[in-house]
Structures are given as structure tokens and as C-alpha cells.
Amino acid sequence: MAQFDTGLPSISQIQGYIKDQQLLELKLLTGDSFSGQLCWQDQNCLCLITQDQQTIMIPYHAIAYLKPQAAQG
């Protein structure tokens, strides 16, 4: 089993999003788009809790992009 390298910048950035409970937009290569907060990551997937409280496990290879959403207020 491959080691989960927490020293990689992308993994560190995602850990920061999880810690800060940052609202994110996540777009898949299929064109589907989701908004929500990440609750965990492992070496294969992310877990996103959508704004309507759905839990979605998303494999890294399916992600087109992931970006923070601007704070609403």
C-alpha cells in the first residue's frame, strides 16, 4: 500500500480546507459540480458534505478542480 504523503502541497492545502471548514466548489470531469465542505481525505478519495447534507466520496482521478468559495455576507 502506498504511503499517504502529507508533505505534498496539495494534501496540505486540502487538510487546511478541512481544518478551516472552508466552503468549496468541486467540479468533476463529468461536468457535475458540488458545493460543500470536506470532512476527510485519504490517498484515494475526498469526502464532501454538500450544503444539503449529502455525503459524497469522490476519487481524486474524477476531480477537474477544487476551489474555495467566496464568503457570503
PDB file of N, CA and C in Angstrom:
ATOM      1  N   MET A   1       0.853  -1.182   0.000  1.00  0.00           N
ATOM      2  CA  MET A   1       0.000   0.000   0.000  1.00  0.00           C
ATOM      3  C   MET A   1       0.895   1.239   0.000  1.00  0.00           C
ATOM      4  N   ALA A   2       0.535   2.217  -0.837  1.00  0.00           N
ATOM      5  CA  ALA A   2       1.316   3.443  -0.949  1.00  0.00           C
ATOM      6  C   ALA A   2       1.164   4.306   0.300  1.00  0.00           C
ATOM      7  N   GLN A   3       2.228   5.004   0.618  1.00  0.00           N
ATOM      8  CA  GLN A   3       2.238   5.911   1.766  1.00  0.00           C
ATOM      9  C   GLN A   3       1.459   7.181   1.433  1.00  0.00           C
ATOM     10  N   PHE A   4       0.720   7.717   2.387  1.00  0.00           N
ATOM     11  CA  PHE A   4      -0.003   8.982   2.225  1.00  0.00           C
ATOM     12  C   PHE A   4       0.954  10.095   2.599  1.00  0.00           C
ATOM     13  N   ASP A   5       1.429  10.865   1.618  1.00  0.00           N
ATOM     14  CA  ASP A   5       2.476  11.867   1.824  1.00  0.00           C
ATOM     15  C   ASP A   5       1.878  13.216   2.206  1.00  0.00           C
ATOM     16  N   THR A   6       1.797  13.479   3.502  1.00  0.00           N
ATOM     17  CA  THR A   6       1.205  14.724   3.999  1.00  0.00           C
ATOM     18  C   THR A   6       2.101  15.938   3.761  1.00  0.00           C
ATOM     19  N   GLY A   7       3.306  15.720   3.255  1.00  0.00           N
ATOM     20  CA  GLY A   7       4.197  16.826   2.947  1.00  0.00           C
ATOM     21  C   GLY A   7       3.936  17.452   1.584  1.00  0.00           C
ATOM     22  N   LEU A   8       3.120  16.811   0.758  1.00  0.00           N
ATOM     23  CA  LEU A   8       2.812  17.370  -0.557  1.00  0.00           C
ATOM     24  C   LEU A   8       1.939  18.613  -0.414  1.00  0.00           C
ATOM     25  N   PRO A   9       2.207  19.651  -1.195  1.00  0.00           N
ATOM     26  CA  PRO A   9       1.436  20.893  -1.071  1.00  0.00           C
ATOM     27  C   PRO A   9      -0.066  20.704  -1.284  1.00  0.00           C
ATOM     28  N   SER A  10      -0.451  19.870  -2.231  1.00  0.00           N
ATOM     29  CA  SER A  10      -1.884  19.678  -2.487  1.00  0.00           C
ATOM     30  C   SER A  10      -2.572  19.028  -1.293  1.00  0.00           C
ATOM     31  N   ILE A  11      -1.919  18.084  -0.662  1.00  0.00           N
ATOM     32  CA  ILE A  11      -2.500  17.416   0.505  1.00  0.00           C
ATOM     33  C   ILE A  11      -2.554  18.378   1.683  1.00  0.00           C
ATOM     34  N   SER A  12      -1.519  19.168   1.867  1.00  0.00           N
ATOM     35  CA  SER A  12      -1.517  20.170   2.937  1.00  0.00           C
ATOM     36  C   SER A  12      -2.632  21.187   2.737  1.00  0.00           C
ATOM     37  N   GLN A  13      -2.832  21.622   1.492  1.00  0.00           N
ATOM     38  CA  GLN A  13      -3.891  22.595   1.199  1.00  0.00           C
ATOM     39  C   GLN A  13      -5.261  22.005   1.522  1.00  0.00           C
ATOM     40  N   ILE A  14      -5.488  20.781   1.131  1.00  0.00           N
ATOM     41  CA  ILE A  14      -6.773  20.120   1.413  1.00  0.00           C
ATOM     42  C   ILE A  14      -6.961  19.950   2.919  1.00  0.00           C
ATOM     43  N   GLN A  15      -5.903  19.605   3.638  1.00  0.00           N
ATOM     44  CA  GLN A  15      -6.001  19.496   5.097  1.00  0.00           C
ATOM     45  C   GLN A  15      -6.391  20.830   5.712  1.00  0.00           C
ATOM     46  N   GLY A  16      -5.866  21.928   5.152  1.00  0.00           N
ATOM     47  CA  GLY A  16      -6.239  23.262   5.632  1.00  0.00           C
ATOM     48  C   GLY A  16      -7.714  23.551   5.391  1.00  0.00           C
ATOM     49  N   TYR A  17      -8.222  23.163   4.207  1.00  0.00           N
ATOM     50  CA  TYR A  17      -9.644  23.342   3.918  1.00  0.00           C
ATOM     51  C   TYR A  17     -10.510  22.564   4.908  1.00  0.00           C
ATOM     52  N   ILE A  18     -10.081  21.353   5.244  1.00  0.00           N
ATOM     53  CA  ILE A  18     -10.830  20.531   6.203  1.00  0.00           C
ATOM     54  C   ILE A  18     -10.805  21.190   7.580  1.00  0.00           C
ATOM     55  N   LYS A  19      -9.620  21.581   8.032  1.00  0.00           N
ATOM     56  CA  LYS A  19      -9.472  22.194   9.350  1.00  0.00           C
ATOM     57  C   LYS A  19     -10.293  23.476   9.479  1.00  0.00           C
ATOM     58  N   ASP A  20     -10.261  24.305   8.424  1.00  0.00           N
ATOM     59  CA  ASP A  20     -10.960  25.594   8.449  1.00  0.00           C
ATOM     60  C   ASP A  20     -12.445  25.492   8.094  1.00  0.00           C
ATOM     61  N   GLN A  21     -12.888  24.290   7.751  1.00  0.00           N
ATOM     62  CA  GLN A  21     -14.272  24.051   7.323  1.00  0.00           C
ATOM     63  C   GLN A  21     -14.652  24.999   6.193  1.00  0.00           C
ATOM     64  N   GLN A  22     -13.732  25.172   5.269  1.00  0.00           N
ATOM     65  CA  GLN A  22     -13.883  26.069   4.122  1.00  0.00           C
ATOM     66  C   GLN A  22     -14.974  25.551   3.181  1.00  0.00           C
ATOM     67  N   LEU A  23     -15.868  26.429   2.759  1.00  0.00           N
ATOM     68  CA  LEU A  23     -16.865  26.090   1.758  1.00  0.00           C
ATOM     69  C   LEU A  23     -16.172  26.053   0.401  1.00  0.00           C
ATOM     70  N   LEU A  24     -16.361  24.954  -0.329  1.00  0.00           N
ATOM     71  CA  LEU A  24     -15.653  24.733  -1.579  1.00  0.00           C
ATOM     72  C   LEU A  24     -16.606  24.460  -2.727  1.00  0.00           C
ATOM     73  N   GLU A  25     -16.128  24.740  -3.919  1.00  0.00           N
ATOM     74  CA  GLU A  25     -16.777  24.277  -5.140  1.00  0.00           C
ATOM     75  C   GLU A  25     -15.888  23.189  -5.704  1.00  0.00           C
ATOM     76  N   LEU A  26     -16.477  22.050  -6.020  1.00  0.00           N
ATOM     77  CA  LEU A  26     -15.740  20.921  -6.556  1.00  0.00           C
ATOM     78  C   LEU A  26     -16.398  20.522  -7.866  1.00  0.00           C
ATOM     79  N   LYS A  27     -15.618  20.538  -8.949  1.00  0.00           N
ATOM     80  CA  LYS A  27     -16.147  20.166 -10.254  1.00  0.00           C
ATOM     81  C   LYS A  27     -15.494  18.870 -10.702  1.00  0.00           C
ATOM     82  N   LEU A  28     -16.316  17.964 -11.214  1.00  0.00           N
ATOM     83  CA  LEU A  28     -15.824  16.675 -11.692  1.00  0.00           C
ATOM     84  C   LEU A  28     -15.566  16.715 -13.184  1.00  0.00           C
ATOM     85  N   LEU A  29     -14.781  15.769 -13.663  1.00  0.00           N
ATOM     86  CA  LEU A  29     -14.503  15.670 -15.088  1.00  0.00           C
ATOM     87  C   LEU A  29     -15.767  15.388 -15.897  1.00  0.00           C
ATOM     88  N   THR A  30     -16.794  14.870 -15.268  1.00  0.00           N
ATOM     89  CA  THR A  30     -18.076  14.617 -15.931  1.00  0.00           C
ATOM     90  C   THR A  30     -18.854  15.902 -16.167  1.00  0.00           C
ATOM     91  N   GLY A  31     -18.437  16.994 -15.522  1.00  0.00           N
ATOM     92  CA  GLY A  31     -19.146  18.261 -15.615  1.00  0.00           C
ATOM     93  C   GLY A  31     -20.021  18.529 -14.408  1.00  0.00           C
ATOM     94  N   ASP A  32     -20.260  17.518 -13.578  1.00  0.00           N
ATOM     95  CA  ASP A  32     -21.040  17.707 -12.351  1.00  0.00           C
ATOM     96  C   ASP A  32     -20.277  18.631 -11.413  1.00  0.00           C
ATOM     97  N   SER A  33     -21.014  19.451 -10.685  1.00  0.00           N
ATOM     98  CA  SER A  33     -20.406  20.393  -9.763  1.00  0.00           C
ATOM     99  C   SER A  33     -21.117  20.302  -8.414  1.00  0.00           C
ATOM    100  N   PHE A  34     -20.337  20.384  -7.337  1.00  0.00           N
ATOM    101  CA  PHE A  34     -20.873  20.294  -5.987  1.00  0.00           C
ATOM    102  C   PHE A  34     -20.287  21.411  -5.137  1.00  0.00           C
ATOM    103  N   SER A  35     -21.061  21.859  -4.153  1.00  0.00           N
ATOM    104  CA  SER A  35     -20.581  22.813  -3.155  1.00  0.00           C
ATOM    105  C   SER A  35     -20.740  22.179  -1.791  1.00  0.00           C
ATOM    106  N   GLY A  36     -19.778  22.429  -0.931  1.00  0.00           N
ATOM    107  CA  GLY A  36     -19.857  21.886   0.420  1.00  0.00           C
ATOM    108  C   GLY A  36     -18.528  21.988   1.126  1.00  0.00           C
ATOM    109  N   GLN A  37     -18.396  21.188   2.190  1.00  0.00           N
ATOM    110  CA  GLN A  37     -17.178  21.166   2.996  1.00  0.00           C
ATOM    111  C   GLN A  37     -16.593  19.768   2.973  1.00  0.00           C
ATOM    112  N   LEU A  38     -15.273  19.708   2.914  1.00  0.00           N
ATOM    113  CA  LEU A  38     -14.597  18.421   3.003  1.00  0.00           C
ATOM    114  C   LEU A  38     -14.563  17.970   4.446  1.00  0.00           C
ATOM    115  N   CYS A  39     -14.764  16.675   4.667  1.00  0.00           N
ATOM    116  CA  CYS A  39     -14.670  16.189   6.045  1.00  0.00           C
ATOM    117  C   CYS A  39     -13.464  15.269   6.243  1.00  0.00           C
ATOM    118  N   TRP A  40     -12.956  14.649   5.188  1.00  0.00           N
ATOM    119  CA  TRP A  40     -11.726  13.868   5.287  1.00  0.00           C
ATOM    120  C   TRP A  40     -11.144  13.627   3.907  1.00  0.00           C
ATOM    121  N   GLN A  41      -9.881  13.185   3.917  1.00  0.00           N
ATOM    122  CA  GLN A  41      -9.210  12.740   2.702  1.00  0.00           C
ATOM    123  C   GLN A  41      -8.350  11.544   3.048  1.00  0.00           C
ATOM    124  N   ASP A  42      -8.160  10.680   2.075  1.00  0.00           N
ATOM    125  CA  ASP A  42      -7.175   9.612   2.208  1.00  0.00           C
ATOM    126  C   ASP A  42      -6.392   9.568   0.901  1.00  0.00           C
ATOM    127  N   GLN A  43      -5.625   8.538   0.680  1.00  0.00           N
ATOM    128  CA  GLN A  43      -4.782   8.514  -0.515  1.00  0.00           C
ATOM    129  C   GLN A  43      -5.559   8.280  -1.802  1.00  0.00           C
ATOM    130  N   ASN A  44      -6.856   7.939  -1.706  1.00  0.00           N
ATOM    131  CA  ASN A  44      -7.653   7.669  -2.895  1.00  0.00           C
ATOM    132  C   ASN A  44      -8.794   8.641  -3.129  1.00  0.00           C
ATOM    133  N   CYS A  45      -9.377   9.167  -2.065  1.00  0.00           N
ATOM    134  CA  CYS A  45     -10.633   9.917  -2.165  1.00  0.00           C
ATOM    135  C   CYS A  45     -10.683  11.117  -1.233  1.00  0.00           C
ATOM    136  N   LEU A  46     -11.654  11.980  -1.547  1.00  0.00           N
ATOM    137  CA  LEU A  46     -12.090  13.039  -0.648  1.00  0.00           C
ATOM    138  C   LEU A  46     -13.517  12.717  -0.249  1.00  0.00           C
ATOM    139  N   CYS A  47     -13.938  13.206   0.910  1.00  0.00           N
ATOM    140  CA  CYS A  47     -15.334  13.083   1.304  1.00  0.00           C
ATOM    141  C   CYS A  47     -15.892  14.489   1.461  1.00  0.00           C
ATOM    142  N   LEU A  48     -16.941  14.782   0.690  1.00  0.00           N
ATOM    143  CA  LEU A  48     -17.573  16.092   0.677  1.00  0.00           C
ATOM    144  C   LEU A  48     -18.953  15.990   1.300  1.00  0.00           C
ATOM    145  N   ILE A  49     -19.256  16.906   2.204  1.00  0.00           N
ATOM    146  CA  ILE A  49     -20.607  17.047   2.749  1.00  0.00           C
ATOM    147  C   ILE A  49     -21.217  18.246   2.025  1.00  0.00           C
ATOM    148  N   THR A  50     -22.245  18.000   1.227  1.00  0.00           N
ATOM    149  CA  THR A  50     -22.854  19.071   0.447  1.00  0.00           C
ATOM    150  C   THR A  50     -23.687  19.970   1.343  1.00  0.00           C
ATOM    151  N   GLN A  51     -24.121  21.087   0.787  1.00  0.00           N
ATOM    152  CA  GLN A  51     -24.917  22.042   1.554  1.00  0.00           C
ATOM    153  C   GLN A  51     -26.266  21.465   1.961  1.00  0.00           C
ATOM    154  N   ASP A  52     -26.749  20.437   1.248  1.00  0.00           N
ATOM    155  CA  ASP A  52     -27.992  19.781   1.651  1.00  0.00           C
ATOM    156  C   ASP A  52     -27.720  18.495   2.439  1.00  0.00           C
ATOM    157  N   GLN A  53     -26.490  18.402   3.014  1.00  0.00           N
ATOM    158  CA  GLN A  53     -26.079  17.341   3.940  1.00  0.00           C
ATOM    159  C   GLN A  53     -25.943  15.959   3.302  1.00  0.00           C
ATOM    160  N   GLN A  54     -25.699  15.892   1.999  1.00  0.00           N
ATOM    161  CA  GLN A  54     -25.375  14.621   1.363  1.00  0.00           C
ATOM    162  C   GLN A  54     -23.883  14.365   1.541  1.00  0.00           C
ATOM    163  N   THR A  55     -23.524  13.125   1.773  1.00  0.00           N
ATOM    164  CA  THR A  55     -22.123  12.735   1.880  1.00  0.00           C
ATOM    165  C   THR A  55     -21.719  12.080   0.567  1.00  0.00           C
ATOM    166  N   ILE A  56     -20.665  12.619  -0.056  1.00  0.00           N
ATOM    167  CA  ILE A  56     -20.212  12.113  -1.342  1.00  0.00           C
ATOM    168  C   ILE A  56     -18.726  11.791  -1.249  1.00  0.00           C
ATOM    169  N   MET A  57     -18.360  10.552  -1.570  1.00  0.00           N
ATOM    170  CA  MET A  57     -16.948  10.179  -1.664  1.00  0.00           C
ATOM    171  C   MET A  57     -16.533  10.335  -3.122  1.00  0.00           C
ATOM    172  N   ILE A  58     -15.456  11.092  -3.332  1.00  0.00           N
ATOM    173  CA  ILE A  58     -15.028  11.422  -4.684  1.00  0.00           C
ATOM    174  C   ILE A  58     -13.582  10.986  -4.877  1.00  0.00           C
ATOM    175  N   PRO A  59     -13.335  10.083  -5.834  1.00  0.00           N
ATOM    176  CA  PRO A  59     -11.951   9.694  -6.118  1.00  0.00           C
ATOM    177  C   PRO A  59     -11.188  10.866  -6.732  1.00  0.00           C
ATOM    178  N   TYR A  60      -9.926  11.012  -6.363  1.00  0.00           N
ATOM    179  CA  TYR A  60      -9.114  12.118  -6.883  1.00  0.00           C
ATOM    180  C   TYR A  60      -9.111  12.167  -8.411  1.00  0.00           C
ATOM    181  N   HIS A  61      -9.043  11.004  -9.057  1.00  0.00           N
ATOM    182  CA  HIS A  61      -8.937  10.985 -10.514  1.00  0.00           C
ATOM    183  C   HIS A  61     -10.191  11.510 -11.218  1.00  0.00           C
ATOM    184  N   ALA A  62     -11.291  11.705 -10.481  1.00  0.00           N
ATOM    185  CA  ALA A  62     -12.534  12.211 -11.065  1.00  0.00           C
ATOM    186  C   ALA A  62     -12.657  13.734 -10.959  1.00  0.00           C
ATOM    187  N   ILE A  63     -11.729  14.379 -10.260  1.00  0.00           N
ATOM    188  CA  ILE A  63     -11.844  15.811  -9.975  1.00  0.00           C
ATOM    189  C   ILE A  63     -11.199  16.649 -11.082  1.00  0.00           C
ATOM    190  N   ALA A  64     -11.976  17.599 -11.621  1.00  0.00           N
ATOM    191  CA  ALA A  64     -11.442  18.566 -12.582  1.00  0.00           C
ATOM    192  C   ALA A  64     -10.772  19.705 -11.824  1.00  0.00           C
ATOM    193  N   TYR A  65     -11.492  20.259 -10.832  1.00  0.00           N
ATOM    194  CA  TYR A  65     -10.889  21.276  -9.980  1.00  0.00           C
ATOM    195  C   TYR A  65     -11.638  21.391  -8.668  1.00  0.00           C
ATOM    196  N   LEU A  66     -10.963  22.019  -7.728  1.00  0.00           N
ATOM    197  CA  LEU A  66     -11.485  22.258  -6.379  1.00  0.00           C
ATOM    198  C   LEU A  66     -11.055  23.675  -6.006  1.00  0.00           C
ATOM    199  N   LYS A  67     -12.023  24.519  -5.620  1.00  0.00           N
ATOM    200  CA  LYS A  67     -11.644  25.894  -5.258  1.00  0.00           C
ATOM    201  C   LYS A  67     -12.512  26.405  -4.124  1.00  0.00           C
ATOM    202  N   PRO A  68     -11.929  27.270  -3.292  1.00  0.00           N
ATOM    203  CA  PRO A  68     -12.698  27.865  -2.201  1.00  0.00           C
ATOM    204  C   PRO A  68     -13.751  28.802  -2.758  1.00  0.00           C
ATOM    205  N   GLN A  69     -14.896  28.817  -2.099  1.00  0.00           N
ATOM    206  CA  GLN A  69     -15.946  29.763  -2.465  1.00  0.00           C
ATOM    207  C   GLN A  69     -15.779  31.028  -1.630  1.00  0.00           C
ATOM    208  N   ALA A  70     -16.114  32.142  -2.234  1.00  0.00           N
ATOM    209  CA  ALA A  70     -16.035  33.423  -1.524  1.00  0.00           C
ATOM    210  C   ALA A  70     -17.051  33.423  -0.385  1.00  0.00           C
ATOM    211  N   ALA A  71     -16.673  34.025   0.724  1.00  0.00           N
ATOM    212  CA  ALA A  71     -17.586  34.135   1.866  1.00  0.00           C
ATOM    213  C   ALA A  71     -18.783  34.977   1.479  1.00  0.00           C
ATOM    214  N   GLN A  72     -19.954  34.523   1.858  1.00  0.00           N
ATOM    215  CA  GLN A  72     -21.176  35.258   1.580  1.00  0.00           C
ATOM    216  C   GLN A  72     -21.504  36.107   2.785  1.00  0.00           C
ATOM    217  N   GLY A  73     -21.949  37.319   2.525  1.00  0.00           N
ATOM    218  CA  GLY A  73     -22.265  38.128   3.686  1.00  0.00           C
ATOM    219  C   GLY A  73     -22.673  39.469   3.400  1.00  0.00           C
TER     220      GLY A  73
END
